[in-house]
């Protein structure tokens, strides 16, 4: 009797202090945030045409299987973004105010 081969496929790789869809430049963050915002795997695959539906499901499965780790990683990224945003706001308040005004005008038009 022949032993069955071990079938394991990697969908996520860790590089540059982040998580990425294996062999792509698409971050796991992008897929996870779309999933957490209620998008279906099929819709996420449409939003990221370089990803197959299998890769999207693989990324979601990885997230669900490592939820505590990835949630902490995402929270750390959000905190870093907030620090950068605050720093830029303090360094250039005029530019920040212009951006806020433009954003408000865009919301009014839509």
Protein backbone atom coordinates (compact mmCIF):
# COMPACT_ATOMS: atom_id res chain seq x y z
CA UNK A 1 0.00 0.00 0.00
CA UNK A 2 1.33 3.42 -0.94
CA UNK A 3 1.24 6.27 1.53
CA UNK A 4 -0.91 9.20 0.48
CA UNK A 5 1.05 12.36 -0.21
CA UNK A 6 0.76 15.16 2.29
CA UNK A 7 -1.21 17.88 0.65
CA UNK A 8 -0.49 21.26 2.08
CA UNK A 9 -0.58 24.52 0.26
CA UNK A 10 0.66 27.81 1.61
CA UNK A 11 -1.46 30.85 0.93
CA UNK A 12 0.26 33.36 3.21
CA UNK A 13 3.89 34.33 3.59
CA UNK A 14 5.52 36.60 6.10
CA UNK A 15 7.98 39.15 4.73
CA UNK A 16 9.01 42.74 5.35
CA UNK A 17 7.40 42.63 8.81
CA UNK A 18 4.01 41.88 7.29
CA UNK A 19 1.78 39.15 5.92
CA UNK A 20 1.22 38.76 2.20
CA UNK A 21 -0.72 36.52 -0.13
CA UNK A 22 1.89 33.96 -1.26
CA UNK A 23 3.74 35.09 -4.39
CA UNK A 24 1.95 38.45 -4.65
CA UNK A 25 2.30 42.03 -3.51
CA UNK A 26 -1.19 41.95 -1.99
CA UNK A 27 -1.24 42.19 1.79
CA UNK A 28 -3.25 39.88 4.00
CA UNK A 29 -4.55 43.07 5.62
CA UNK A 30 -6.38 44.01 2.41
CA UNK A 31 -8.25 40.73 2.26
CA UNK A 32 -8.97 40.58 5.99
CA UNK A 33 -10.35 44.14 6.18
CA UNK A 34 -12.60 43.45 3.18
CA UNK A 35 -13.79 40.24 4.86
CA UNK A 36 -14.39 42.00 8.19
CA UNK A 37 -16.36 44.70 6.33
CA UNK A 38 -18.78 42.03 5.14
CA UNK A 39 -17.50 41.35 1.63
CA UNK A 40 -17.90 37.83 0.34
CA UNK A 41 -14.85 35.88 -0.85
CA UNK A 42 -16.20 36.14 -4.41
CA UNK A 43 -16.47 39.91 -4.13
CA UNK A 44 -12.96 40.16 -2.67
CA UNK A 45 -11.63 38.09 -5.58
CA UNK A 46 -13.31 40.53 -7.99
CA UNK A 47 -11.73 43.48 -6.16
CA UNK A 48 -8.29 41.84 -6.43
CA UNK A 49 -8.16 40.34 -9.94
CA UNK A 50 -4.62 39.03 -9.35
CA UNK A 51 -5.99 36.68 -6.68
CA UNK A 52 -7.83 33.49 -7.39
CA UNK A 53 -10.90 32.60 -5.37
CA UNK A 54 -8.82 29.79 -3.85
CA UNK A 55 -6.21 32.30 -2.64
CA UNK A 56 -8.92 34.49 -1.09
CA UNK A 57 -10.42 31.52 0.75
CA UNK A 58 -6.91 30.47 1.80
CA UNK A 59 -6.23 33.93 3.21
CA UNK A 60 -9.53 34.00 5.08
CA UNK A 61 -8.90 30.51 6.44
CA UNK A 62 -5.42 31.57 7.60
CA UNK A 63 -6.95 34.59 9.32
CA UNK A 64 -9.65 32.56 11.04
CA UNK A 65 -7.13 29.96 12.15
CA UNK A 66 -4.73 32.62 13.50
CA UNK A 67 -7.27 35.23 14.49
CA UNK A 68 -5.67 36.29 17.77
CA UNK A 69 -2.25 36.75 16.16
CA UNK A 70 -3.56 38.60 13.09
CA UNK A 71 -5.94 40.80 15.10
CA UNK A 72 -2.97 41.89 17.26
CA UNK A 73 -0.91 42.51 14.10
CA UNK A 74 -3.71 44.61 12.58
CA UNK A 75 -4.17 46.58 15.80
CA UNK A 76 -0.45 47.32 15.89
CA UNK A 77 -0.63 48.58 12.30
CA UNK A 78 -3.62 50.80 13.13
CA UNK A 79 -1.79 52.26 16.13
CA UNK A 80 1.28 52.98 13.98
CA UNK A 81 -0.94 54.66 11.38
CA UNK A 82 -2.54 56.83 14.08
CA UNK A 83 0.90 57.91 15.34
CA UNK A 84 2.00 58.85 11.81
CA UNK A 85 -1.23 60.69 11.15
CA UNK A 86 -0.90 62.67 14.39
CA UNK A 87 2.73 63.49 13.62
CA UNK A 88 1.89 64.78 10.13
CA UNK A 89 -1.05 66.78 11.49
CA UNK A 90 1.26 68.49 13.98
CA UNK A 91 4.02 69.12 11.42
CA UNK A 92 1.74 70.63 8.79
CA UNK A 93 -1.62 71.76 10.19
CA UNK A 94 -2.44 73.89 7.12
CA UNK A 95 -2.13 70.94 4.76
CA UNK A 96 -4.18 68.78 7.12
CA UNK A 97 -6.93 71.42 7.22
CA UNK A 98 -6.97 71.61 3.39
CA UNK A 99 -7.31 67.83 3.19
CA UNK A 100 -10.17 67.82 5.70
CA UNK A 101 -11.95 70.58 3.75
CA UNK A 102 -11.53 68.70 0.46
CA UNK A 103 -12.81 65.51 2.09
CA UNK A 104 -15.89 67.32 3.44
CA UNK A 105 -16.61 68.84 0.03
CA UNK A 106 -16.33 65.44 -1.61
CA UNK A 107 -18.87 64.00 0.84
CA UNK A 108 -21.29 66.86 0.15
CA UNK A 109 -21.08 66.25 -3.63
CA UNK A 110 -21.81 62.54 -3.31
